[in-house]
Every structure is written in structure tokens, then in C-alpha cells.
Amino acid sequence: KQWYQRRVREVRASHLLVKHRDSRRPASWREDPITRTKEEALDILDGYVKMINSGTPFSDLASEFSDCSSAKRGGDLGSFGRGQMQKPFEEATYALKVNEMSDVVDTDSGVHVILRTG
């Protein structure tokens, strides 16, 4: 029973992160250093969202373009509970239904779109 209660409080999500020069660590496996502005990052992310909404698989774009090391897993972050992610990210993920994608979420890491998967 305890395992079940713990699992219910967790969510699973994938994300696509675009960092910018004001991110807390403006470097990634794709680019070091990252010099784009936050506005440029938002424009790039908007383009990815349009591609996803037009049928491009989320995991394909995350694998190729996400500035997070989770790109190796198609953006999959696995399961997590409250208090494990930055607050704006956590709140956005918990507010989503399974298989629902967020609007742009702004954190200290950069700008994201999140797909809740569980």
C-alpha cells in the first residue's frame, strides 16, 4: 500500500529545453557556450511547438534539439515527485493530464515545453 501511495504522488514527463545566455548553466551537449538571448530561445521553442502540433513526434525533436542531457532518452525525465524539480516546472507538470503538452515554461534552466507521460 505504501508503494502505491508513493507512486500516485509521482508524475512522469519528457521535456524539450532551450537554454539561453541567462540560463543558470548556459552550456549544453549541443553548444558551449550558449549565446542566444531569451527572446531567441522562445522563438526557437515556438518553432518546435509548431512542428509538434503539425505531427512531428515530441521525442524526435527532444532527441535532436533539447539542451538537456535527457535528449538521449527522447526528453524523458522519468518519474519524479514534488520538490524534485524547479517549482515552475513541477507546477506545470502536475497541472497537465497524461499525454498533454504544456505551454512554454520558464525556469532558471531555460525555456521548456513539457509532455506529461504518466
PDB file of N, CA and C in Angstrom:
ATOM      1  N   LYS A   1       0.830  -1.201   0.000  1.00  0.00           N
ATOM      2  CA  LYS A   1       0.000   0.000   0.000  1.00  0.00           C
ATOM      3  C   LYS A   1       0.872   1.262   0.000  1.00  0.00           C
ATOM      4  N   GLN A   2       1.948   1.249   0.737  1.00  0.00           N
ATOM      5  CA  GLN A   2       2.830   2.415   0.799  1.00  0.00           C
ATOM      6  C   GLN A   2       3.430   2.709  -0.582  1.00  0.00           C
ATOM      7  N   TRP A   3       3.820   1.660  -1.315  1.00  0.00           N
ATOM      8  CA  TRP A   3       4.368   1.847  -2.661  1.00  0.00           C
ATOM      9  C   TRP A   3       3.333   2.530  -3.549  1.00  0.00           C
ATOM     10  N   TYR A   4       2.093   2.071  -3.481  1.00  0.00           N
ATOM     11  CA  TYR A   4       1.029   2.640  -4.297  1.00  0.00           C
ATOM     12  C   TYR A   4       0.828   4.124  -3.974  1.00  0.00           C
ATOM     13  N   GLN A   5       0.792   4.462  -2.700  1.00  0.00           N
ATOM     14  CA  GLN A   5       0.594   5.861  -2.310  1.00  0.00           C
ATOM     15  C   GLN A   5       1.746   6.729  -2.808  1.00  0.00           C
ATOM     16  N   ARG A   6       2.959   6.222  -2.762  1.00  0.00           N
ATOM     17  CA  ARG A   6       4.109   6.986  -3.234  1.00  0.00           C
ATOM     18  C   ARG A   6       4.020   7.198  -4.746  1.00  0.00           C
ATOM     19  N   ARG A   7       3.649   6.165  -5.474  1.00  0.00           N
ATOM     20  CA  ARG A   7       3.577   6.257  -6.931  1.00  0.00           C
ATOM     21  C   ARG A   7       2.494   7.229  -7.388  1.00  0.00           C
ATOM     22  N   VAL A   8       1.396   7.272  -6.683  1.00  0.00           N
ATOM     23  CA  VAL A   8       0.311   8.176  -7.058  1.00  0.00           C
ATOM     24  C   VAL A   8       0.768   9.627  -6.982  1.00  0.00           C
ATOM     25  N   ARG A   9       1.665   9.902  -6.084  1.00  0.00           N
ATOM     26  CA  ARG A   9       2.137  11.281  -5.932  1.00  0.00           C
ATOM     27  C   ARG A   9       3.223  11.651  -6.944  1.00  0.00           C
ATOM     28  N   GLU A  10       3.653  10.706  -7.756  1.00  0.00           N
ATOM     29  CA  GLU A  10       4.677  10.996  -8.753  1.00  0.00           C
ATOM     30  C   GLU A  10       4.064  11.169 -10.136  1.00  0.00           C
ATOM     31  N   VAL A  11       4.758  11.924 -10.951  1.00  0.00           N
ATOM     32  CA  VAL A  11       4.390  12.092 -12.351  1.00  0.00           C
ATOM     33  C   VAL A  11       5.586  11.669 -13.189  1.00  0.00           C
ATOM     34  N   ARG A  12       5.344  11.449 -14.461  1.00  0.00           N
ATOM     35  CA  ARG A  12       6.423  11.162 -15.401  1.00  0.00           C
ATOM     36  C   ARG A  12       6.281  12.148 -16.550  1.00  0.00           C
ATOM     37  N   ALA A  13       7.405  12.655 -17.010  1.00  0.00           N
ATOM     38  CA  ALA A  13       7.348  13.671 -18.060  1.00  0.00           C
ATOM     39  C   ALA A  13       8.587  13.636 -18.933  1.00  0.00           C
ATOM     40  N   SER A  14       8.407  14.160 -20.129  1.00  0.00           N
ATOM     41  CA  SER A  14       9.503  14.449 -21.048  1.00  0.00           C
ATOM     42  C   SER A  14       9.490  15.954 -21.277  1.00  0.00           C
ATOM     43  N   HIS A  15      10.629  16.479 -21.678  1.00  0.00           N
ATOM     44  CA  HIS A  15      10.642  17.916 -21.975  1.00  0.00           C
ATOM     45  C   HIS A  15      11.626  18.199 -23.089  1.00  0.00           C
ATOM     46  N   LEU A  16      11.451  19.375 -23.649  1.00  0.00           N
ATOM     47  CA  LEU A  16      12.368  19.906 -24.646  1.00  0.00           C
ATOM     48  C   LEU A  16      12.819  21.249 -24.080  1.00  0.00           C
ATOM     49  N   LEU A  17      14.101  21.357 -23.795  1.00  0.00           N
ATOM     50  CA  LEU A  17      14.683  22.546 -23.167  1.00  0.00           C
ATOM     51  C   LEU A  17      15.486  23.341 -24.185  1.00  0.00           C
ATOM     52  N   VAL A  18      15.261  24.638 -24.215  1.00  0.00           N
ATOM     53  CA  VAL A  18      16.107  25.550 -24.987  1.00  0.00           C
ATOM     54  C   VAL A  18      16.719  26.525 -23.989  1.00  0.00           C
ATOM     55  N   LYS A  19      18.031  26.415 -23.836  1.00  0.00           N
ATOM     56  CA  LYS A  19      18.744  27.314 -22.928  1.00  0.00           C
ATOM     57  C   LYS A  19      19.051  28.634 -23.629  1.00  0.00           C
ATOM     58  N   HIS A  20      19.380  29.627 -22.831  1.00  0.00           N
ATOM     59  CA  HIS A  20      19.789  30.935 -23.347  1.00  0.00           C
ATOM     60  C   HIS A  20      20.943  31.447 -22.494  1.00  0.00           C
ATOM     61  N   ARG A  21      21.507  32.567 -22.879  1.00  0.00           N
ATOM     62  CA  ARG A  21      22.724  33.045 -22.204  1.00  0.00           C
ATOM     63  C   ARG A  21      22.501  33.402 -20.740  1.00  0.00           C
ATOM     64  N   ASP A  22      21.243  33.628 -20.329  1.00  0.00           N
ATOM     65  CA  ASP A  22      20.954  33.928 -18.931  1.00  0.00           C
ATOM     66  C   ASP A  22      20.518  32.699 -18.134  1.00  0.00           C
ATOM     67  N   SER A  23      20.573  31.518 -18.759  1.00  0.00           N
ATOM     68  CA  SER A  23      20.275  30.276 -18.038  1.00  0.00           C
ATOM     69  C   SER A  23      21.323  30.074 -16.957  1.00  0.00           C
ATOM     70  N   ARG A  24      20.980  29.324 -15.922  1.00  0.00           N
ATOM     71  CA  ARG A  24      21.928  29.141 -14.811  1.00  0.00           C
ATOM     72  C   ARG A  24      23.201  28.429 -15.247  1.00  0.00           C
ATOM     73  N   ARG A  25      23.143  27.609 -16.280  1.00  0.00           N
ATOM     74  CA  ARG A  25      24.331  26.985 -16.845  1.00  0.00           C
ATOM     75  C   ARG A  25      24.218  27.091 -18.364  1.00  0.00           C
ATOM     76  N   PRO A  26      24.705  28.182 -18.948  1.00  0.00           N
ATOM     77  CA  PRO A  26      24.499  28.426 -20.387  1.00  0.00           C
ATOM     78  C   PRO A  26      25.439  27.608 -21.277  1.00  0.00           C
ATOM     79  N   ALA A  27      25.311  26.279 -21.151  1.00  0.00           N
ATOM     80  CA  ALA A  27      26.074  25.352 -21.986  1.00  0.00           C
ATOM     81  C   ALA A  27      25.272  24.063 -22.060  1.00  0.00           C
ATOM     82  N   SER A  28      25.491  23.298 -23.123  1.00  0.00           N
ATOM     83  CA  SER A  28      24.818  22.011 -23.244  1.00  0.00           C
ATOM     84  C   SER A  28      25.655  21.087 -24.109  1.00  0.00           C
ATOM     85  N   TRP A  29      25.166  19.862 -24.281  1.00  0.00           N
ATOM     86  CA  TRP A  29      25.845  18.893 -25.130  1.00  0.00           C
ATOM     87  C   TRP A  29      25.855  19.361 -26.583  1.00  0.00           C
ATOM     88  N   ARG A  30      24.962  20.285 -26.916  1.00  0.00           N
ATOM     89  CA  ARG A  30      24.856  20.774 -28.290  1.00  0.00           C
ATOM     90  C   ARG A  30      25.712  22.007 -28.549  1.00  0.00           C
ATOM     91  N   GLU A  31      25.915  22.816 -27.515  1.00  0.00           N
ATOM     92  CA  GLU A  31      26.519  24.133 -27.720  1.00  0.00           C
ATOM     93  C   GLU A  31      27.161  24.609 -26.421  1.00  0.00           C
ATOM     94  N   ASP A  32      28.396  25.087 -26.507  1.00  0.00           N
ATOM     95  CA  ASP A  32      29.090  25.594 -25.324  1.00  0.00           C
ATOM     96  C   ASP A  32      30.066  26.679 -25.762  1.00  0.00           C
ATOM     97  N   PRO A  33      29.859  27.925 -25.385  1.00  0.00           N
ATOM     98  CA  PRO A  33      28.769  28.439 -24.559  1.00  0.00           C
ATOM     99  C   PRO A  33      27.526  28.736 -25.400  1.00  0.00           C
ATOM    100  N   ILE A  34      26.410  28.855 -24.729  1.00  0.00           N
ATOM    101  CA  ILE A  34      25.161  29.249 -25.380  1.00  0.00           C
ATOM    102  C   ILE A  34      25.083  30.775 -25.304  1.00  0.00           C
ATOM    103  N   THR A  35      24.926  31.401 -26.456  1.00  0.00           N
ATOM    104  CA  THR A  35      24.956  32.868 -26.513  1.00  0.00           C
ATOM    105  C   THR A  35      23.623  33.485 -26.909  1.00  0.00           C
ATOM    106  N   ARG A  36      22.627  32.662 -27.248  1.00  0.00           N
ATOM    107  CA  ARG A  36      21.342  33.224 -27.693  1.00  0.00           C
ATOM    108  C   ARG A  36      20.647  33.950 -26.542  1.00  0.00           C
ATOM    109  N   THR A  37      19.820  34.911 -26.910  1.00  0.00           N
ATOM    110  CA  THR A  37      19.028  35.639 -25.917  1.00  0.00           C
ATOM    111  C   THR A  37      17.817  34.797 -25.523  1.00  0.00           C
ATOM    112  N   LYS A  38      17.169  35.204 -24.461  1.00  0.00           N
ATOM    113  CA  LYS A  38      15.944  34.518 -24.042  1.00  0.00           C
ATOM    114  C   LYS A  38      14.876  34.645 -25.128  1.00  0.00           C
ATOM    115  N   GLU A  39      14.791  35.803 -25.753  1.00  0.00           N
ATOM    116  CA  GLU A  39      13.813  36.013 -26.828  1.00  0.00           C
ATOM    117  C   GLU A  39      14.085  35.064 -27.993  1.00  0.00           C
ATOM    118  N   GLU A  40      15.353  34.882 -28.345  1.00  0.00           N
ATOM    119  CA  GLU A  40      15.705  33.936 -29.410  1.00  0.00           C
ATOM    120  C   GLU A  40      15.346  32.508 -29.010  1.00  0.00           C
ATOM    121  N   ALA A  41      15.588  32.168 -27.744  1.00  0.00           N
ATOM    122  CA  ALA A  41      15.238  30.830 -27.249  1.00  0.00           C
ATOM    123  C   ALA A  41      13.732  30.606 -27.350  1.00  0.00           C
ATOM    124  N   LEU A  42      12.949  31.615 -26.982  1.00  0.00           N
ATOM    125  CA  LEU A  42      11.488  31.497 -27.072  1.00  0.00           C
ATOM    126  C   LEU A  42      11.031  31.319 -28.518  1.00  0.00           C
ATOM    127  N   ASP A  43      11.665  32.037 -29.448  1.00  0.00           N
ATOM    128  CA  ASP A  43      11.321  31.887 -30.871  1.00  0.00           C
ATOM    129  C   ASP A  43      11.644  30.479 -31.359  1.00  0.00           C
ATOM    130  N   ILE A  44      12.791  29.950 -30.959  1.00  0.00           N
ATOM    131  CA  ILE A  44      13.188  28.595 -31.344  1.00  0.00           C
ATOM    132  C   ILE A  44      12.188  27.585 -30.787  1.00  0.00           C
ATOM    133  N   LEU A  45      11.862  27.730 -29.507  1.00  0.00           N
ATOM    134  CA  LEU A  45      10.920  26.805 -28.870  1.00  0.00           C
ATOM    135  C   LEU A  45       9.547  26.885 -29.542  1.00  0.00           C
ATOM    136  N   ASP A  46       9.119  28.068 -29.896  1.00  0.00           N
ATOM    137  CA  ASP A  46       7.841  28.237 -30.591  1.00  0.00           C
ATOM    138  C   ASP A  46       7.836  27.454 -31.907  1.00  0.00           C
ATOM    139  N   GLY A  47       8.959  27.464 -32.605  1.00  0.00           N
ATOM    140  CA  GLY A  47       9.069  26.692 -33.846  1.00  0.00           C
ATOM    141  C   GLY A  47       8.932  25.200 -33.588  1.00  0.00           C
ATOM    142  N   TYR A  48       9.533  24.711 -32.500  1.00  0.00           N
ATOM    143  CA  TYR A  48       9.408  23.289 -32.150  1.00  0.00           C
ATOM    144  C   TYR A  48       7.970  22.937 -31.804  1.00  0.00           C
ATOM    145  N   VAL A  49       7.303  23.813 -31.063  1.00  0.00           N
ATOM    146  CA  VAL A  49       5.904  23.561 -30.692  1.00  0.00           C
ATOM    147  C   VAL A  49       5.040  23.459 -31.952  1.00  0.00           C
ATOM    148  N   LYS A  50       5.273  24.340 -32.914  1.00  0.00           N
ATOM    149  CA  LYS A  50       4.521  24.285 -34.173  1.00  0.00           C
ATOM    150  C   LYS A  50       4.777  22.965 -34.894  1.00  0.00           C
ATOM    151  N   MET A  51       6.018  22.490 -34.866  1.00  0.00           N
ATOM    152  CA  MET A  51       6.345  21.213 -35.506  1.00  0.00           C
ATOM    153  C   MET A  51       5.641  20.050 -34.798  1.00  0.00           C
ATOM    154  N   ILE A  52       5.627  20.078 -33.474  1.00  0.00           N
ATOM    155  CA  ILE A  52       4.939  19.034 -32.703  1.00  0.00           C
ATOM    156  C   ILE A  52       3.452  19.057 -33.018  1.00  0.00           C
ATOM    157  N   ASN A  53       2.874  20.245 -33.029  1.00  0.00           N
ATOM    158  CA  ASN A  53       1.442  20.378 -33.318  1.00  0.00           C
ATOM    159  C   ASN A  53       1.103  19.973 -34.750  1.00  0.00           C
ATOM    160  N   SER A  54       2.104  19.949 -35.626  1.00  0.00           N
ATOM    161  CA  SER A  54       1.899  19.525 -37.013  1.00  0.00           C
ATOM    162  C   SER A  54       2.210  18.042 -37.213  1.00  0.00           C
ATOM    163  N   GLY A  55       2.536  17.342 -36.128  1.00  0.00           N
ATOM    164  CA  GLY A  55       2.714  15.895 -36.243  1.00  0.00           C
ATOM    165  C   GLY A  55       4.111  15.348 -36.025  1.00  0.00           C
ATOM    166  N   THR A  56       5.113  16.201 -35.882  1.00  0.00           N
ATOM    167  CA  THR A  56       6.457  15.710 -35.594  1.00  0.00           C
ATOM    168  C   THR A  56       6.481  15.147 -34.177  1.00  0.00           C
ATOM    169  N   PRO A  57       6.948  13.910 -34.005  1.00  0.00           N
ATOM    170  CA  PRO A  57       6.967  13.336 -32.652  1.00  0.00           C
ATOM    171  C   PRO A  57       7.806  14.166 -31.676  1.00  0.00           C
ATOM    172  N   PHE A  58       7.240  14.393 -30.494  1.00  0.00           N
ATOM    173  CA  PHE A  58       7.909  15.146 -29.434  1.00  0.00           C
ATOM    174  C   PHE A  58       9.305  14.579 -29.185  1.00  0.00           C
ATOM    175  N   SER A  59       9.383  13.249 -29.054  1.00  0.00           N
ATOM    176  CA  SER A  59      10.664  12.612 -28.714  1.00  0.00           C
ATOM    177  C   SER A  59      11.714  12.819 -29.802  1.00  0.00           C
ATOM    178  N   ASP A  60      11.296  12.897 -31.058  1.00  0.00           N
ATOM    179  CA  ASP A  60      12.256  13.138 -32.141  1.00  0.00           C
ATOM    180  C   ASP A  60      12.892  14.515 -32.005  1.00  0.00           C
ATOM    181  N   LEU A  61      12.067  15.517 -31.746  1.00  0.00           N
ATOM    182  CA  LEU A  61      12.600  16.878 -31.598  1.00  0.00           C
ATOM    183  C   LEU A  61      13.450  16.998 -30.340  1.00  0.00           C
ATOM    184  N   ALA A  62      12.981  16.408 -29.244  1.00  0.00           N
ATOM    185  CA  ALA A  62      13.759  16.464 -27.999  1.00  0.00           C
ATOM    186  C   ALA A  62      15.118  15.790 -28.191  1.00  0.00           C
ATOM    187  N   SER A  63      15.143  14.660 -28.872  1.00  0.00           N
ATOM    188  CA  SER A  63      16.403  13.938 -29.099  1.00  0.00           C
ATOM    189  C   SER A  63      17.405  14.773 -29.879  1.00  0.00           C
ATOM    190  N   GLU A  64      16.905  15.506 -30.846  1.00  0.00           N
ATOM    191  CA  GLU A  64      17.792  16.262 -31.725  1.00  0.00           C
ATOM    192  C   GLU A  64      18.133  17.653 -31.208  1.00  0.00           C
ATOM    193  N   PHE A  65      17.181  18.296 -30.518  1.00  0.00           N
ATOM    194  CA  PHE A  65      17.360  19.716 -30.241  1.00  0.00           C
ATOM    195  C   PHE A  65      17.372  20.131 -28.778  1.00  0.00           C
ATOM    196  N   SER A  66      16.962  19.263 -27.846  1.00  0.00           N
ATOM    197  CA  SER A  66      16.904  19.682 -26.448  1.00  0.00           C
ATOM    198  C   SER A  66      18.303  19.943 -25.905  1.00  0.00           C
ATOM    199  N   ASP A  67      18.430  20.994 -25.105  1.00  0.00           N
ATOM    200  CA  ASP A  67      19.709  21.332 -24.474  1.00  0.00           C
ATOM    201  C   ASP A  67      19.903  20.578 -23.158  1.00  0.00           C
ATOM    202  N   CYS A  68      19.053  19.603 -22.875  1.00  0.00           N
ATOM    203  CA  CYS A  68      19.174  18.780 -21.670  1.00  0.00           C
ATOM    204  C   CYS A  68      19.772  17.429 -22.038  1.00  0.00           C
ATOM    205  N   SER A  69      20.503  16.838 -21.113  1.00  0.00           N
ATOM    206  CA  SER A  69      21.069  15.512 -21.368  1.00  0.00           C
ATOM    207  C   SER A  69      19.978  14.447 -21.531  1.00  0.00           C
ATOM    208  N   SER A  70      18.749  14.758 -21.115  1.00  0.00           N
ATOM    209  CA  SER A  70      17.634  13.821 -21.336  1.00  0.00           C
ATOM    210  C   SER A  70      17.332  13.642 -22.823  1.00  0.00           C
ATOM    211  N   ALA A  71      17.937  14.449 -23.673  1.00  0.00           N
ATOM    212  CA  ALA A  71      17.776  14.288 -25.125  1.00  0.00           C
ATOM    213  C   ALA A  71      18.133  12.863 -25.547  1.00  0.00           C
ATOM    214  N   LYS A  72      19.089  12.246 -24.846  1.00  0.00           N
ATOM    215  CA  LYS A  72      19.485  10.864 -25.165  1.00  0.00           C
ATOM    216  C   LYS A  72      18.325   9.893 -25.005  1.00  0.00           C
ATOM    217  N   ARG A  73      17.317  10.290 -24.220  1.00  0.00           N
ATOM    218  CA  ARG A  73      16.146   9.444 -23.959  1.00  0.00           C
ATOM    219  C   ARG A  73      14.883  10.072 -24.553  1.00  0.00           C
ATOM    220  N   GLY A  74      15.042  10.861 -25.602  1.00  0.00           N
ATOM    221  CA  GLY A  74      13.882  11.497 -26.222  1.00  0.00           C
ATOM    222  C   GLY A  74      13.227  12.539 -25.331  1.00  0.00           C
ATOM    223  N   GLY A  75      14.003  13.064 -24.382  1.00  0.00           N
ATOM    224  CA  GLY A  75      13.498  14.073 -23.453  1.00  0.00           C
ATOM    225  C   GLY A  75      12.910  13.497 -22.177  1.00  0.00           C
ATOM    226  N   ASP A  76      12.897  12.167 -22.059  1.00  0.00           N
ATOM    227  CA  ASP A  76      12.272  11.517 -20.893  1.00  0.00           C
ATOM    228  C   ASP A  76      13.058  11.790 -19.622  1.00  0.00           C
ATOM    229  N   LEU A  77      12.372  12.356 -18.634  1.00  0.00           N
ATOM    230  CA  LEU A  77      12.976  12.639 -17.329  1.00  0.00           C
ATOM    231  C   LEU A  77      12.672  11.546 -16.311  1.00  0.00           C
ATOM    232  N   GLY A  78      11.857  10.580 -16.700  1.00  0.00           N
ATOM    233  CA  GLY A  78      11.451   9.546 -15.757  1.00  0.00           C
ATOM    234  C   GLY A  78      10.405  10.089 -14.801  1.00  0.00           C
ATOM    235  N   SER A  79      10.192   9.362 -13.712  1.00  0.00           N
ATOM    236  CA  SER A  79       9.200   9.753 -12.718  1.00  0.00           C
ATOM    237  C   SER A  79       9.838  10.643 -11.660  1.00  0.00           C
ATOM    238  N   PHE A  80       9.045  11.576 -11.141  1.00  0.00           N
ATOM    239  CA  PHE A  80       9.532  12.432 -10.064  1.00  0.00           C
ATOM    240  C   PHE A  80       8.355  12.889  -9.220  1.00  0.00           C
ATOM    241  N   GLY A  81       8.680  13.232  -7.991  1.00  0.00           N
ATOM    242  CA  GLY A  81       7.670  13.714  -7.053  1.00  0.00           C
ATOM    243  C   GLY A  81       7.836  15.197  -6.793  1.00  0.00           C
ATOM    244  N   ARG A  82       6.983  15.698  -5.944  1.00  0.00           N
ATOM    245  CA  ARG A  82       7.046  17.118  -5.591  1.00  0.00           C
ATOM    246  C   ARG A  82       8.365  17.425  -4.883  1.00  0.00           C
ATOM    247  N   GLY A  83       8.910  18.598  -5.184  1.00  0.00           N
ATOM    248  CA  GLY A  83      10.149  19.024  -4.554  1.00  0.00           C
ATOM    249  C   GLY A  83      11.406  18.562  -5.261  1.00  0.00           C
ATOM    250  N   GLN A  84      11.280  17.827  -6.358  1.00  0.00           N
ATOM    251  CA  GLN A  84      12.461  17.312  -7.054  1.00  0.00           C
ATOM    252  C   GLN A  84      12.862  18.153  -8.263  1.00  0.00           C
ATOM    253  N   MET A  85      11.953  18.976  -8.766  1.00  0.00           N
ATOM    254  CA  MET A  85      12.220  19.827  -9.926  1.00  0.00           C
ATOM    255  C   MET A  85      12.043  21.282  -9.508  1.00  0.00           C
ATOM    256  N   GLN A  86      12.530  22.192 -10.352  1.00  0.00           N
ATOM    257  CA  GLN A  86      12.304  23.604 -10.084  1.00  0.00           C
ATOM    258  C   GLN A  86      10.793  23.853 -10.030  1.00  0.00           C
ATOM    259  N   LYS A  87      10.387  24.736  -9.145  1.00  0.00           N
ATOM    260  CA  LYS A  87       8.968  24.940  -8.847  1.00  0.00           C
ATOM    261  C   LYS A  87       8.109  25.198 -10.089  1.00  0.00           C
ATOM    262  N   PRO A  88       8.488  26.094 -11.008  1.00  0.00           N
ATOM    263  CA  PRO A  88       7.627  26.325 -12.178  1.00  0.00           C
ATOM    264  C   PRO A  88       7.461  25.056 -13.026  1.00  0.00           C
ATOM    265  N   PHE A  89       8.536  24.258 -13.125  1.00  0.00           N
ATOM    266  CA  PHE A  89       8.485  23.023 -13.892  1.00  0.00           C
ATOM    267  C   PHE A  89       7.549  22.023 -13.217  1.00  0.00           C
ATOM    268  N   GLU A  90       7.714  21.870 -11.916  1.00  0.00           N
ATOM    269  CA  GLU A  90       6.867  20.952 -11.148  1.00  0.00           C
ATOM    270  C   GLU A  90       5.395  21.345 -11.266  1.00  0.00           C
ATOM    271  N   GLU A  91       5.098  22.602 -11.038  1.00  0.00           N
ATOM    272  CA  GLU A  91       3.708  23.053 -11.070  1.00  0.00           C
ATOM    273  C   GLU A  91       3.083  22.831 -12.446  1.00  0.00           C
ATOM    274  N   ALA A  92       3.827  23.124 -13.500  1.00  0.00           N
ATOM    275  CA  ALA A  92       3.303  22.926 -14.854  1.00  0.00           C
ATOM    276  C   ALA A  92       3.050  21.447 -15.122  1.00  0.00           C
ATOM    277  N   THR A  93       3.963  20.586 -14.698  1.00  0.00           N
ATOM    278  CA  THR A  93       3.820  19.156 -14.965  1.00  0.00           C
ATOM    279  C   THR A  93       2.629  18.574 -14.225  1.00  0.00           C
ATOM    280  N   TYR A  94       2.484  18.901 -12.952  1.00  0.00           N
ATOM    281  CA  TYR A  94       1.362  18.382 -12.169  1.00  0.00           C
ATOM    282  C   TYR A  94       0.014  18.900 -12.678  1.00  0.00           C
ATOM    283  N   ALA A  95       0.003  20.051 -13.322  1.00  0.00           N
ATOM    284  CA  ALA A  95      -1.245  20.619 -13.841  1.00  0.00           C
ATOM    285  C   ALA A  95      -1.701  19.944 -15.132  1.00  0.00           C
ATOM    286  N   LEU A  96      -0.795  19.227 -15.796  1.00  0.00           N
ATOM    287  CA  LEU A  96      -1.126  18.577 -17.065  1.00  0.00           C
ATOM    288  C   LEU A  96      -1.823  17.245 -16.847  1.00  0.00           C
ATOM    289  N   LYS A  97      -2.622  16.857 -17.820  1.00  0.00           N
ATOM    290  CA  LYS A  97      -3.151  15.493 -17.882  1.00  0.00           C
ATOM    291  C   LYS A  97      -2.116  14.638 -18.615  1.00  0.00           C
ATOM    292  N   VAL A  98      -2.186  13.340 -18.440  1.00  0.00           N
ATOM    293  CA  VAL A  98      -1.285  12.430 -19.155  1.00  0.00           C
ATOM    294  C   VAL A  98      -1.483  12.627 -20.663  1.00  0.00           C
ATOM    295  N   ASN A  99      -0.372  12.713 -21.386  1.00  0.00           N
ATOM    296  CA  ASN A  99      -0.310  12.946 -22.838  1.00  0.00           C
ATOM    297  C   ASN A  99      -0.649  14.375 -23.236  1.00  0.00           C
ATOM    298  N   GLU A 100      -0.696  15.287 -22.280  1.00  0.00           N
ATOM    299  CA  GLU A 100      -0.937  16.703 -22.570  1.00  0.00           C
ATOM    300  C   GLU A 100       0.393  17.448 -22.542  1.00  0.00           C
ATOM    301  N   MET A 101       0.529  18.414 -23.449  1.00  0.00           N
ATOM    302  CA  MET A 101       1.748  19.207 -23.539  1.00  0.00           C
ATOM    303  C   MET A 101       1.504  20.597 -22.951  1.00  0.00           C
ATOM    304  N   SER A 102       2.506  21.102 -22.258  1.00  0.00           N
ATOM    305  CA  SER A 102       2.404  22.419 -21.629  1.00  0.00           C
ATOM    306  C   SER A 102       2.570  23.541 -22.640  1.00  0.00           C
ATOM    307  N   ASP A 103       2.228  24.733 -22.183  1.00  0.00           N
ATOM    308  CA  ASP A 103       2.674  25.940 -22.860  1.00  0.00           C
ATOM    309  C   ASP A 103       4.144  26.108 -22.479  1.00  0.00           C
ATOM    310  N   VAL A 104       4.754  27.190 -22.883  1.00  0.00           N
ATOM    311  CA  VAL A 104       6.151  27.451 -22.532  1.00  0.00           C
ATOM    312  C   VAL A 104       6.275  27.620 -21.020  1.00  0.00           C
ATOM    313  N   VAL A 105       7.263  26.947 -20.447  1.00  0.00           N
ATOM    314  CA  VAL A 105       7.551  27.046 -19.018  1.00  0.00           C
ATOM    315  C   VAL A 105       8.950  27.641 -18.881  1.00  0.00           C
ATOM    316  N   ASP A 106       9.049  28.701 -18.105  1.00  0.00           N
ATOM    317  CA  ASP A 106      10.304  29.431 -17.913  1.00  0.00           C
ATOM    318  C   ASP A 106      10.881  29.060 -16.547  1.00  0.00           C
ATOM    319  N   THR A 107      12.111  28.520 -16.538  1.00  0.00           N
ATOM    320  CA  THR A 107      12.795  28.207 -15.286  1.00  0.00           C
ATOM    321  C   THR A 107      14.206  28.781 -15.334  1.00  0.00           C
ATOM    322  N   ASP A 108      14.945  28.607 -14.248  1.00  0.00           N
ATOM    323  CA  ASP A 108      16.340  29.052 -14.216  1.00  0.00           C
ATOM    324  C   ASP A 108      17.192  28.311 -15.244  1.00  0.00           C
ATOM    325  N   SER A 109      16.737  27.145 -15.684  1.00  0.00           N
ATOM    326  CA  SER A 109      17.495  26.349 -16.673  1.00  0.00           C
ATOM    327  C   SER A 109      17.308  26.850 -18.097  1.00  0.00           C
ATOM    328  N   GLY A 110      16.179  27.494 -18.377  1.00  0.00           N
ATOM    329  CA  GLY A 110      15.876  27.947 -19.713  1.00  0.00           C
ATOM    330  C   GLY A 110      14.369  27.893 -19.942  1.00  0.00           C
ATOM    331  N   VAL A 111      13.975  27.734 -21.195  1.00  0.00           N
ATOM    332  CA  VAL A 111      12.560  27.639 -21.523  1.00  0.00           C
ATOM    333  C   VAL A 111      12.275  26.231 -22.021  1.00  0.00           C
ATOM    334  N   HIS A 112      11.128  25.699 -21.612  1.00  0.00           N
ATOM    335  CA  HIS A 112      10.792  24.306 -21.883  1.00  0.00           C
ATOM    336  C   HIS A 112       9.370  24.197 -22.436  1.00  0.00           C
ATOM    337  N   VAL A 113       9.115  23.092 -23.108  1.00  0.00           N
ATOM    338  CA  VAL A 113       7.763  22.542 -23.241  1.00  0.00           C
ATOM    339  C   VAL A 113       7.852  21.165 -22.609  1.00  0.00           C
ATOM    340  N   ILE A 114       6.785  20.817 -21.905  1.00  0.00           N
ATOM    341  CA  ILE A 114       6.745  19.582 -21.117  1.00  0.00           C
ATOM    342  C   ILE A 114       5.612  18.714 -21.635  1.00  0.00           C
ATOM    343  N   LEU A 115       5.886  17.447 -21.787  1.00  0.00           N
ATOM    344  CA  LEU A 115       4.869  16.459 -22.135  1.00  0.00           C
ATOM    345  C   LEU A 115       4.731  15.512 -20.969  1.00  0.00           C
ATOM    346  N   ARG A 116       3.553  15.539 -20.325  1.00  0.00           N
ATOM    347  CA  ARG A 116       3.337  14.604 -19.203  1.00  0.00           C
ATOM    348  C   ARG A 116       3.024  13.233 -19.785  1.00  0.00           C
ATOM    349  N   THR A 117       3.765  12.248 -19.355  1.00  0.00           N
ATOM    350  CA  THR A 117       3.622  10.899 -19.905  1.00  0.00           C
ATOM    351  C   THR A 117       3.092   9.893 -18.892  1.00  0.00           C
ATOM    352  N   GLY A 118       2.982  10.296 -17.628  1.00  0.00           N
ATOM    353  CA  GLY A 118       2.461   9.367 -16.631  1.00  0.00           C
ATOM    354  C   GLY A 118       2.193  10.071 -15.320  1.00  0.00           C
TER     355      GLY A 118
END
